[in-house]
Amino acid sequence: MSLVAIDDVAIQRAKAGDLTALERVYRAYEGLVYTLARRICRTAEDAEDVLQETFFEVCRSINGFRGEGPGSMTAWIKRVAASKALMKIRYEKYRTTEELREDVAWGAKGRDDAVLRLDLETALTKLSDTARAVVWLHDVEGYKHEEIAELMDRTVSFSKSQLSRAHMRLRDMLGEEVQC
């Protein structure tokens, strides 16, 4: 997933309330936010809600954004999105989990890679919301346990134990072929 180029001038214009610049920020980061939300939330509808809530918050709070450059903007928006997704799983009851649908063409990857990926995707849906969120934030997004603990309003040891237990469950579900 590539981000649309966004520069310091666009960021400053967005901070000043320029609607075209705010739309440019949205277009640059909507895919990243949706993907993050979809991995934490159980349904596409919840991920769409998180996408909207994230950008409402970004528009409302962009004047307080202190970072400079697209890198810090990316980190800030990902943090807002992770927070909104965690709030979503914390406060809403989930409907029945929808079936996993793979619309991705596997291209050059072999059949075994595709099957393993489907197995991993399915196994992740069987984890608790909290465990799945910790796995995604730590293993994929690269958050440190301290950051996860802060986002979830928990302790660092909570984050570490959730990750360890989730890795054990994933190994049990997938067999020893997967090393987390």
N, C-alpha and C. Protein backbone atom coordinates (compact mmCIF):
# COMPACT_ATOMS: atom_id res chain seq x y z
N MET A 1 0.86 -1.18 0.00
CA MET A 1 0.00 0.00 0.00
C MET A 1 0.89 1.23 0.00
N SER A 2 0.74 2.07 -0.98
CA SER A 2 1.55 3.27 -1.04
C SER A 2 0.72 4.48 -0.64
N LEU A 3 1.38 5.38 0.02
CA LEU A 3 0.70 6.60 0.45
C LEU A 3 0.83 7.66 -0.63
N VAL A 4 -0.20 8.44 -0.81
CA VAL A 4 -0.16 9.58 -1.70
C VAL A 4 0.81 10.58 -1.08
N ALA A 5 1.62 11.20 -1.92
CA ALA A 5 2.60 12.15 -1.40
C ALA A 5 1.89 13.30 -0.68
N ILE A 6 2.34 13.56 0.52
CA ILE A 6 1.80 14.69 1.28
C ILE A 6 3.01 15.41 1.88
N ASP A 7 3.06 16.70 1.67
CA ASP A 7 4.24 17.43 2.12
C ASP A 7 3.91 18.37 3.27
N ASP A 8 4.95 19.02 3.78
CA ASP A 8 4.77 19.93 4.91
C ASP A 8 3.80 21.07 4.59
N VAL A 9 3.80 21.55 3.35
CA VAL A 9 2.91 22.64 2.96
C VAL A 9 1.45 22.17 3.07
N ALA A 10 1.17 20.96 2.58
CA ALA A 10 -0.20 20.42 2.66
C ALA A 10 -0.60 20.24 4.11
N ILE A 11 0.33 19.79 4.93
CA ILE A 11 0.04 19.60 6.35
C ILE A 11 -0.29 20.94 6.99
N GLN A 12 0.48 21.97 6.70
CA GLN A 12 0.23 23.30 7.26
C GLN A 12 -1.10 23.87 6.76
N ARG A 13 -1.41 23.64 5.51
CA ARG A 13 -2.69 24.11 4.97
C ARG A 13 -3.85 23.37 5.63
N ALA A 14 -3.68 22.08 5.87
CA ALA A 14 -4.73 21.30 6.56
C ALA A 14 -4.93 21.83 7.97
N LYS A 15 -3.83 22.15 8.64
CA LYS A 15 -3.92 22.70 10.00
C LYS A 15 -4.65 24.04 10.01
N ALA A 16 -4.54 24.76 8.90
CA ALA A 16 -5.22 26.06 8.79
C ALA A 16 -6.69 25.90 8.40
N GLY A 17 -7.12 24.65 8.17
CA GLY A 17 -8.53 24.43 7.86
C GLY A 17 -8.86 24.36 6.38
N ASP A 18 -7.86 24.33 5.52
CA ASP A 18 -8.07 24.24 4.08
C ASP A 18 -8.71 22.89 3.76
N LEU A 19 -9.95 22.92 3.23
CA LEU A 19 -10.70 21.69 2.97
C LEU A 19 -10.04 20.81 1.91
N THR A 20 -9.42 21.43 0.91
CA THR A 20 -8.73 20.65 -0.12
C THR A 20 -7.54 19.91 0.49
N ALA A 21 -6.82 20.58 1.37
CA ALA A 21 -5.67 19.94 2.03
C ALA A 21 -6.14 18.83 2.98
N LEU A 22 -7.25 19.06 3.69
CA LEU A 22 -7.79 18.02 4.57
C LEU A 22 -8.23 16.80 3.76
N GLU A 23 -8.82 17.05 2.59
CA GLU A 23 -9.20 15.93 1.74
C GLU A 23 -7.96 15.18 1.25
N ARG A 24 -6.91 15.90 0.97
CA ARG A 24 -5.65 15.27 0.55
C ARG A 24 -5.08 14.39 1.65
N VAL A 25 -5.17 14.86 2.89
CA VAL A 25 -4.73 14.04 4.04
C VAL A 25 -5.57 12.78 4.11
N TYR A 26 -6.87 12.94 3.97
CA TYR A 26 -7.77 11.78 4.00
C TYR A 26 -7.38 10.77 2.92
N ARG A 27 -7.25 11.25 1.69
CA ARG A 27 -6.92 10.36 0.56
C ARG A 27 -5.57 9.68 0.77
N ALA A 28 -4.63 10.38 1.37
CA ALA A 28 -3.30 9.82 1.58
C ALA A 28 -3.30 8.69 2.60
N TYR A 29 -4.20 8.76 3.59
CA TYR A 29 -4.13 7.82 4.71
C TYR A 29 -5.35 6.90 4.86
N GLU A 30 -6.36 7.03 4.03
CA GLU A 30 -7.58 6.23 4.21
C GLU A 30 -7.29 4.73 4.11
N GLY A 31 -6.47 4.31 3.18
CA GLY A 31 -6.16 2.89 3.02
C GLY A 31 -5.43 2.32 4.23
N LEU A 32 -4.46 3.06 4.71
CA LEU A 32 -3.69 2.64 5.89
C LEU A 32 -4.61 2.51 7.10
N VAL A 33 -5.47 3.49 7.31
CA VAL A 33 -6.37 3.48 8.46
C VAL A 33 -7.38 2.33 8.35
N TYR A 34 -7.95 2.15 7.17
CA TYR A 34 -8.93 1.07 7.01
C TYR A 34 -8.28 -0.30 7.26
N THR A 35 -7.09 -0.51 6.71
CA THR A 35 -6.41 -1.79 6.90
C THR A 35 -6.12 -2.05 8.37
N LEU A 36 -5.63 -1.05 9.07
CA LEU A 36 -5.37 -1.20 10.51
C LEU A 36 -6.67 -1.51 11.26
N ALA A 37 -7.71 -0.76 10.96
CA ALA A 37 -9.00 -0.97 11.64
C ALA A 37 -9.58 -2.34 11.31
N ARG A 38 -9.45 -2.77 10.08
CA ARG A 38 -10.01 -4.07 9.67
C ARG A 38 -9.31 -5.22 10.37
N ARG A 39 -8.04 -5.07 10.65
CA ARG A 39 -7.29 -6.12 11.33
C ARG A 39 -7.63 -6.18 12.82
N ILE A 40 -8.02 -5.08 13.39
CA ILE A 40 -8.35 -5.07 14.82
C ILE A 40 -9.83 -5.38 15.03
N CYS A 41 -10.68 -4.83 14.20
CA CYS A 41 -12.13 -5.03 14.34
C CYS A 41 -12.54 -6.31 13.62
N ARG A 42 -13.68 -6.84 14.02
CA ARG A 42 -14.14 -8.10 13.44
C ARG A 42 -14.86 -7.94 12.11
N THR A 43 -15.45 -6.81 11.85
CA THR A 43 -16.26 -6.67 10.63
C THR A 43 -15.81 -5.47 9.80
N ALA A 44 -16.15 -5.57 8.52
CA ALA A 44 -15.85 -4.46 7.61
C ALA A 44 -16.63 -3.21 8.01
N GLU A 45 -17.86 -3.40 8.48
CA GLU A 45 -18.67 -2.24 8.90
C GLU A 45 -18.03 -1.51 10.07
N ASP A 46 -17.50 -2.28 11.03
CA ASP A 46 -16.82 -1.64 12.16
C ASP A 46 -15.56 -0.92 11.71
N ALA A 47 -14.85 -1.50 10.76
CA ALA A 47 -13.64 -0.85 10.23
C ALA A 47 -14.00 0.45 9.52
N GLU A 48 -15.12 0.45 8.79
CA GLU A 48 -15.59 1.68 8.15
C GLU A 48 -15.93 2.75 9.19
N ASP A 49 -16.58 2.32 10.27
CA ASP A 49 -16.89 3.26 11.36
C ASP A 49 -15.60 3.85 11.94
N VAL A 50 -14.61 3.00 12.16
CA VAL A 50 -13.33 3.46 12.71
C VAL A 50 -12.66 4.43 11.74
N LEU A 51 -12.73 4.14 10.45
CA LEU A 51 -12.18 5.04 9.44
C LEU A 51 -12.81 6.42 9.56
N GLN A 52 -14.14 6.46 9.64
CA GLN A 52 -14.83 7.75 9.76
C GLN A 52 -14.49 8.44 11.07
N GLU A 53 -14.53 7.70 12.17
CA GLU A 53 -14.24 8.28 13.48
C GLU A 53 -12.80 8.81 13.54
N THR A 54 -11.88 8.09 12.91
CA THR A 54 -10.49 8.52 12.90
C THR A 54 -10.36 9.86 12.20
N PHE A 55 -10.98 10.00 11.03
CA PHE A 55 -10.81 11.25 10.30
C PHE A 55 -11.64 12.39 10.86
N PHE A 56 -12.72 12.10 11.56
CA PHE A 56 -13.40 13.16 12.31
C PHE A 56 -12.44 13.70 13.36
N GLU A 57 -11.77 12.77 14.06
CA GLU A 57 -10.82 13.18 15.10
C GLU A 57 -9.63 13.92 14.49
N VAL A 58 -9.13 13.46 13.36
CA VAL A 58 -8.00 14.12 12.70
C VAL A 58 -8.39 15.55 12.32
N CYS A 59 -9.55 15.71 11.73
CA CYS A 59 -10.01 17.07 11.34
C CYS A 59 -10.21 17.95 12.57
N ARG A 60 -10.76 17.37 13.62
CA ARG A 60 -11.04 18.13 14.85
C ARG A 60 -9.74 18.51 15.58
N SER A 61 -8.73 17.65 15.50
CA SER A 61 -7.53 17.84 16.33
C SER A 61 -6.27 18.22 15.57
N ILE A 62 -6.35 18.42 14.26
CA ILE A 62 -5.15 18.64 13.47
C ILE A 62 -4.41 19.91 13.90
N ASN A 63 -5.13 20.89 14.43
CA ASN A 63 -4.44 22.10 14.91
C ASN A 63 -3.48 21.79 16.04
N GLY A 64 -3.76 20.75 16.82
CA GLY A 64 -2.89 20.37 17.91
C GLY A 64 -1.74 19.46 17.49
N PHE A 65 -1.74 19.03 16.22
CA PHE A 65 -0.67 18.17 15.72
C PHE A 65 0.64 18.95 15.73
N ARG A 66 1.62 18.44 16.46
CA ARG A 66 2.88 19.16 16.63
C ARG A 66 4.01 18.65 15.74
N GLY A 67 3.85 17.48 15.20
CA GLY A 67 4.91 16.90 14.38
C GLY A 67 5.09 17.64 13.09
N GLU A 68 6.21 17.37 12.48
CA GLU A 68 6.47 17.97 11.17
C GLU A 68 6.78 16.86 10.20
N GLY A 69 6.25 16.98 9.02
CA GLY A 69 6.55 16.03 7.97
C GLY A 69 5.56 14.88 7.93
N PRO A 70 5.55 14.20 6.78
CA PRO A 70 4.62 13.11 6.57
C PRO A 70 4.86 11.92 7.50
N GLY A 71 6.11 11.66 7.88
CA GLY A 71 6.40 10.53 8.77
C GLY A 71 5.72 10.66 10.11
N SER A 72 5.81 11.83 10.70
CA SER A 72 5.18 12.03 12.00
C SER A 72 3.65 12.10 11.84
N MET A 73 3.17 12.58 10.71
CA MET A 73 1.74 12.60 10.44
C MET A 73 1.22 11.16 10.35
N THR A 74 1.96 10.30 9.68
CA THR A 74 1.58 8.88 9.57
C THR A 74 1.49 8.25 10.95
N ALA A 75 2.49 8.47 11.77
CA ALA A 75 2.51 7.89 13.12
C ALA A 75 1.32 8.41 13.94
N TRP A 76 1.04 9.70 13.83
CA TRP A 76 -0.07 10.30 14.58
C TRP A 76 -1.41 9.72 14.14
N ILE A 77 -1.62 9.63 12.84
CA ILE A 77 -2.89 9.12 12.32
C ILE A 77 -3.05 7.64 12.68
N LYS A 78 -1.97 6.86 12.60
CA LYS A 78 -2.05 5.44 12.98
C LYS A 78 -2.40 5.31 14.46
N ARG A 79 -1.87 6.19 15.27
CA ARG A 79 -2.16 6.13 16.70
C ARG A 79 -3.64 6.46 16.97
N VAL A 80 -4.16 7.48 16.29
CA VAL A 80 -5.57 7.83 16.42
C VAL A 80 -6.43 6.65 15.96
N ALA A 81 -6.07 6.04 14.84
CA ALA A 81 -6.85 4.91 14.30
C ALA A 81 -6.82 3.71 15.26
N ALA A 82 -5.66 3.40 15.80
CA ALA A 82 -5.55 2.28 16.74
C ALA A 82 -6.39 2.55 17.97
N SER A 83 -6.36 3.76 18.46
CA SER A 83 -7.15 4.12 19.63
C SER A 83 -8.64 3.98 19.35
N LYS A 84 -9.08 4.46 18.19
CA LYS A 84 -10.50 4.36 17.83
C LYS A 84 -10.92 2.90 17.65
N ALA A 85 -10.07 2.08 17.05
CA ALA A 85 -10.39 0.67 16.86
C ALA A 85 -10.48 -0.05 18.21
N LEU A 86 -9.57 0.25 19.11
CA LEU A 86 -9.60 -0.37 20.43
C LEU A 86 -10.85 0.05 21.20
N MET A 87 -11.23 1.33 21.06
CA MET A 87 -12.47 1.78 21.71
C MET A 87 -13.66 1.03 21.12
N LYS A 88 -13.64 0.79 19.84
CA LYS A 88 -14.74 0.08 19.17
C LYS A 88 -14.89 -1.33 19.74
N ILE A 89 -13.79 -2.05 19.87
CA ILE A 89 -13.91 -3.42 20.39
C ILE A 89 -14.18 -3.45 21.88
N ARG A 90 -13.82 -2.38 22.56
CA ARG A 90 -14.04 -2.32 24.01
C ARG A 90 -15.50 -2.05 24.34
N TYR A 91 -16.17 -1.22 23.55
CA TYR A 91 -17.50 -0.74 23.93
C TYR A 91 -18.66 -1.29 23.11
N GLU A 92 -18.40 -2.04 22.07
CA GLU A 92 -19.51 -2.55 21.26
C GLU A 92 -19.57 -4.05 21.29
N LYS A 93 -20.78 -4.58 21.25
CA LYS A 93 -20.95 -6.02 21.13
C LYS A 93 -20.87 -6.36 19.65
N TYR A 94 -20.21 -7.44 19.37
CA TYR A 94 -20.05 -7.82 17.97
C TYR A 94 -21.13 -8.77 17.53
N ARG A 95 -21.53 -8.58 16.28
CA ARG A 95 -22.44 -9.49 15.64
C ARG A 95 -21.67 -10.76 15.29
N THR A 96 -22.34 -11.72 14.77
CA THR A 96 -21.67 -12.95 14.38
C THR A 96 -20.57 -12.63 13.39
N THR A 97 -19.43 -13.24 13.60
CA THR A 97 -18.29 -12.99 12.72
C THR A 97 -18.61 -13.42 11.30
N GLU A 98 -18.37 -12.51 10.37
CA GLU A 98 -18.64 -12.86 8.98
C GLU A 98 -17.55 -13.79 8.46
N GLU A 99 -17.91 -14.57 7.49
CA GLU A 99 -16.97 -15.52 6.91
C GLU A 99 -15.83 -14.76 6.24
N LEU A 100 -14.66 -15.34 6.37
CA LEU A 100 -13.49 -14.75 5.73
C LEU A 100 -13.59 -14.95 4.23
N ARG A 101 -13.50 -13.85 3.50
CA ARG A 101 -13.53 -13.94 2.05
C ARG A 101 -12.22 -13.42 1.52
N GLU A 102 -11.56 -14.22 0.76
CA GLU A 102 -10.30 -13.81 0.17
C GLU A 102 -10.56 -13.35 -1.26
N ASP A 103 -10.40 -12.07 -1.49
CA ASP A 103 -10.57 -11.52 -2.83
C ASP A 103 -9.22 -11.25 -3.48
N VAL A 104 -8.16 -11.59 -2.76
CA VAL A 104 -6.82 -11.26 -3.22
C VAL A 104 -6.32 -12.35 -4.17
N ALA A 105 -5.81 -11.97 -5.29
CA ALA A 105 -5.19 -12.94 -6.18
C ALA A 105 -3.80 -13.22 -5.61
N TRP A 106 -3.44 -14.47 -5.56
CA TRP A 106 -2.19 -14.84 -4.91
C TRP A 106 -0.99 -14.66 -5.81
N GLY A 107 -1.20 -14.39 -7.07
CA GLY A 107 -0.09 -14.11 -7.97
C GLY A 107 0.92 -15.23 -8.00
N ALA A 108 2.17 -14.87 -7.76
CA ALA A 108 3.28 -15.82 -7.87
C ALA A 108 3.41 -16.73 -6.66
N LYS A 109 2.69 -16.46 -5.59
CA LYS A 109 2.81 -17.30 -4.40
C LYS A 109 2.24 -18.68 -4.68
N GLY A 110 2.83 -19.65 -4.05
CA GLY A 110 2.38 -21.03 -4.21
C GLY A 110 1.09 -21.29 -3.45
N ARG A 111 0.47 -22.40 -3.75
CA ARG A 111 -0.79 -22.78 -3.10
C ARG A 111 -0.60 -22.95 -1.60
N ASP A 112 0.53 -23.53 -1.18
CA ASP A 112 0.78 -23.73 0.24
C ASP A 112 0.83 -22.40 1.00
N ASP A 113 1.44 -21.37 0.38
CA ASP A 113 1.48 -20.04 1.01
C ASP A 113 0.08 -19.49 1.18
N ALA A 114 -0.76 -19.69 0.16
CA ALA A 114 -2.13 -19.18 0.22
C ALA A 114 -2.91 -19.90 1.31
N VAL A 115 -2.75 -21.21 1.38
CA VAL A 115 -3.46 -21.98 2.40
C VAL A 115 -3.00 -21.57 3.79
N LEU A 116 -1.69 -21.41 3.98
CA LEU A 116 -1.16 -21.00 5.28
C LEU A 116 -1.69 -19.62 5.65
N ARG A 117 -1.75 -18.70 4.69
CA ARG A 117 -2.26 -17.36 4.97
C ARG A 117 -3.74 -17.43 5.37
N LEU A 118 -4.52 -18.23 4.67
CA LEU A 118 -5.93 -18.38 5.01
C LEU A 118 -6.06 -18.98 6.40
N ASP A 119 -5.23 -19.97 6.71
CA ASP A 119 -5.27 -20.58 8.03
C ASP A 119 -4.92 -19.55 9.11
N LEU A 120 -3.92 -18.73 8.86
CA LEU A 120 -3.54 -17.69 9.82
C LEU A 120 -4.65 -16.67 9.99
N GLU A 121 -5.24 -16.23 8.87
CA GLU A 121 -6.34 -15.27 8.94
C GLU A 121 -7.49 -15.85 9.76
N THR A 122 -7.83 -17.11 9.52
CA THR A 122 -8.91 -17.77 10.25
C THR A 122 -8.55 -17.90 11.72
N ALA A 123 -7.31 -18.29 12.00
CA ALA A 123 -6.88 -18.43 13.40
C ALA A 123 -6.95 -17.09 14.13
N LEU A 124 -6.56 -16.01 13.47
CA LEU A 124 -6.62 -14.69 14.10
C LEU A 124 -8.06 -14.32 14.48
N THR A 125 -9.02 -14.72 13.66
CA THR A 125 -10.42 -14.40 13.99
C THR A 125 -10.91 -15.15 15.22
N LYS A 126 -10.21 -16.23 15.57
CA LYS A 126 -10.61 -17.03 16.72
C LYS A 126 -10.03 -16.52 18.03
N LEU A 127 -9.11 -15.58 17.94
CA LEU A 127 -8.57 -14.95 19.15
C LEU A 127 -9.58 -13.96 19.71
N SER A 128 -9.44 -13.65 20.98
CA SER A 128 -10.29 -12.61 21.56
C SER A 128 -9.96 -11.28 20.89
N ASP A 129 -10.87 -10.34 20.98
CA ASP A 129 -10.64 -9.02 20.39
C ASP A 129 -9.35 -8.40 20.91
N THR A 130 -9.14 -8.49 22.21
CA THR A 130 -7.96 -7.89 22.83
C THR A 130 -6.69 -8.56 22.35
N ALA A 131 -6.67 -9.89 22.35
CA ALA A 131 -5.48 -10.62 21.93
C ALA A 131 -5.16 -10.32 20.46
N ARG A 132 -6.19 -10.30 19.60
CA ARG A 132 -5.98 -10.02 18.19
C ARG A 132 -5.41 -8.60 18.00
N ALA A 133 -5.93 -7.67 18.76
CA ALA A 133 -5.45 -6.29 18.66
C ALA A 133 -3.98 -6.20 19.08
N VAL A 134 -3.62 -6.86 20.17
CA VAL A 134 -2.23 -6.83 20.65
C VAL A 134 -1.31 -7.47 19.61
N VAL A 135 -1.70 -8.62 19.06
CA VAL A 135 -0.89 -9.28 18.04
C VAL A 135 -0.70 -8.36 16.84
N TRP A 136 -1.78 -7.77 16.37
CA TRP A 136 -1.68 -6.92 15.19
C TRP A 136 -0.82 -5.69 15.46
N LEU A 137 -1.08 -5.01 16.56
CA LEU A 137 -0.32 -3.80 16.87
C LEU A 137 1.16 -4.10 17.07
N HIS A 138 1.48 -5.19 17.76
CA HIS A 138 2.88 -5.52 18.04
C HIS A 138 3.59 -6.13 16.83
N ASP A 139 3.03 -7.21 16.30
CA ASP A 139 3.73 -7.98 15.27
C ASP A 139 3.69 -7.36 13.89
N VAL A 140 2.62 -6.65 13.58
CA VAL A 140 2.49 -6.09 12.24
C VAL A 140 2.79 -4.60 12.20
N GLU A 141 2.19 -3.86 13.10
CA GLU A 141 2.38 -2.41 13.10
C GLU A 141 3.67 -1.97 13.79
N GLY A 142 4.26 -2.86 14.59
CA GLY A 142 5.55 -2.55 15.21
C GLY A 142 5.47 -1.72 16.49
N TYR A 143 4.30 -1.66 17.10
CA TYR A 143 4.18 -0.93 18.36
C TYR A 143 4.95 -1.65 19.45
N LYS A 144 5.53 -0.91 20.36
CA LYS A 144 6.21 -1.46 21.53
C LYS A 144 5.15 -1.76 22.59
N HIS A 145 5.50 -2.64 23.52
CA HIS A 145 4.55 -3.00 24.58
C HIS A 145 4.12 -1.78 25.39
N GLU A 146 5.03 -0.83 25.58
CA GLU A 146 4.70 0.38 26.33
C GLU A 146 3.61 1.17 25.62
N GLU A 147 3.71 1.25 24.28
CA GLU A 147 2.72 1.98 23.50
C GLU A 147 1.36 1.28 23.51
N ILE A 148 1.40 -0.04 23.39
CA ILE A 148 0.15 -0.82 23.42
C ILE A 148 -0.52 -0.66 24.78
N ALA A 149 0.28 -0.74 25.83
CA ALA A 149 -0.26 -0.60 27.19
C ALA A 149 -0.93 0.77 27.35
N GLU A 150 -0.30 1.80 26.83
CA GLU A 150 -0.87 3.14 26.93
C GLU A 150 -2.17 3.24 26.13
N LEU A 151 -2.18 2.70 24.91
CA LEU A 151 -3.38 2.74 24.08
C LEU A 151 -4.55 2.01 24.73
N MET A 152 -4.24 0.88 25.40
CA MET A 152 -5.29 0.05 25.98
C MET A 152 -5.57 0.39 27.44
N ASP A 153 -4.84 1.37 27.96
CA ASP A 153 -5.00 1.76 29.35
C ASP A 153 -4.77 0.56 30.28
N ARG A 154 -3.71 -0.15 29.99
CA ARG A 154 -3.32 -1.33 30.75
C ARG A 154 -1.83 -1.24 31.07
N THR A 155 -1.30 -2.31 31.68
CA THR A 155 0.12 -2.34 32.03
C THR A 155 0.92 -2.98 30.90
N VAL A 156 2.22 -2.75 30.94
CA VAL A 156 3.12 -3.37 29.97
C VAL A 156 3.06 -4.88 30.11
N SER A 157 3.02 -5.38 31.33
CA SER A 157 2.96 -6.84 31.53
C SER A 157 1.68 -7.43 30.95
N PHE A 158 0.59 -6.68 30.97
CA PHE A 158 -0.65 -7.13 30.34
C PHE A 158 -0.43 -7.34 28.85
N SER A 159 0.19 -6.36 28.20
CA SER A 159 0.45 -6.46 26.77
C SER A 159 1.35 -7.66 26.47
N LYS A 160 2.40 -7.83 27.24
CA LYS A 160 3.32 -8.95 27.02
C LYS A 160 2.63 -10.29 27.22
N SER A 161 1.82 -10.41 28.27
CA SER A 161 1.16 -11.69 28.53
C SER A 161 0.10 -11.98 27.46
N GLN A 162 -0.63 -10.95 27.01
CA GLN A 162 -1.61 -11.15 25.94
C GLN A 162 -0.93 -11.65 24.67
N LEU A 163 0.22 -11.05 24.34
CA LEU A 163 0.94 -11.44 23.14
C LEU A 163 1.46 -12.87 23.27
N SER A 164 2.02 -13.20 24.41
CA SER A 164 2.55 -14.55 24.62
C SER A 164 1.45 -15.60 24.53
N ARG A 165 0.33 -15.35 25.17
CA ARG A 165 -0.79 -16.30 25.13
C ARG A 165 -1.36 -16.41 23.71
N ALA A 166 -1.44 -15.29 23.02
CA ALA A 166 -1.97 -15.32 21.65
C ALA A 166 -1.03 -16.12 20.75
N HIS A 167 0.27 -15.92 20.89
CA HIS A 167 1.23 -16.69 20.09
C HIS A 167 1.09 -18.18 20.37
N MET A 168 0.92 -18.56 21.63
CA MET A 168 0.74 -19.98 21.97
C MET A 168 -0.52 -20.54 21.32
N ARG A 169 -1.62 -19.78 21.39
CA ARG A 169 -2.88 -20.24 20.77
C ARG A 169 -2.73 -20.37 19.26
N LEU A 170 -2.06 -19.40 18.64
CA LEU A 170 -1.85 -19.48 17.19
C LEU A 170 -1.02 -20.69 16.83
N ARG A 171 0.04 -20.95 17.60
CA ARG A 171 0.87 -22.15 17.34
C ARG A 171 0.03 -23.42 17.48
N ASP A 172 -0.81 -23.47 18.50
CA ASP A 172 -1.67 -24.64 18.70
C ASP A 172 -2.63 -24.82 17.52
N MET A 173 -3.22 -23.72 17.06
CA MET A 173 -4.19 -23.80 15.98
C MET A 173 -3.53 -24.14 14.64
N LEU A 174 -2.31 -23.62 14.42
CA LEU A 174 -1.67 -23.76 13.12
C LEU A 174 -0.62 -24.87 13.09
N GLY A 175 -0.27 -25.39 14.24
CA GLY A 175 0.79 -26.38 14.29
C GLY A 175 2.13 -25.68 14.42
N GLU A 176 3.18 -26.44 14.53
CA GLU A 176 4.50 -25.88 14.76
C GLU A 176 5.12 -25.26 13.52
N GLU A 177 4.45 -25.35 12.35
CA GLU A 177 5.01 -24.80 11.13
C GLU A 177 5.12 -23.29 11.16
N VAL A 178 4.39 -22.63 12.03
CA VAL A 178 4.41 -21.18 12.13
C VAL A 178 5.13 -20.78 13.41
N GLN A 179 6.15 -19.97 13.26
CA GLN A 179 6.86 -19.43 14.41
C GLN A 179 6.52 -17.96 14.54
N CYS A 180 5.89 -17.58 15.62
CA CYS A 180 5.48 -16.18 15.82
C CYS A 180 6.65 -15.37 16.31
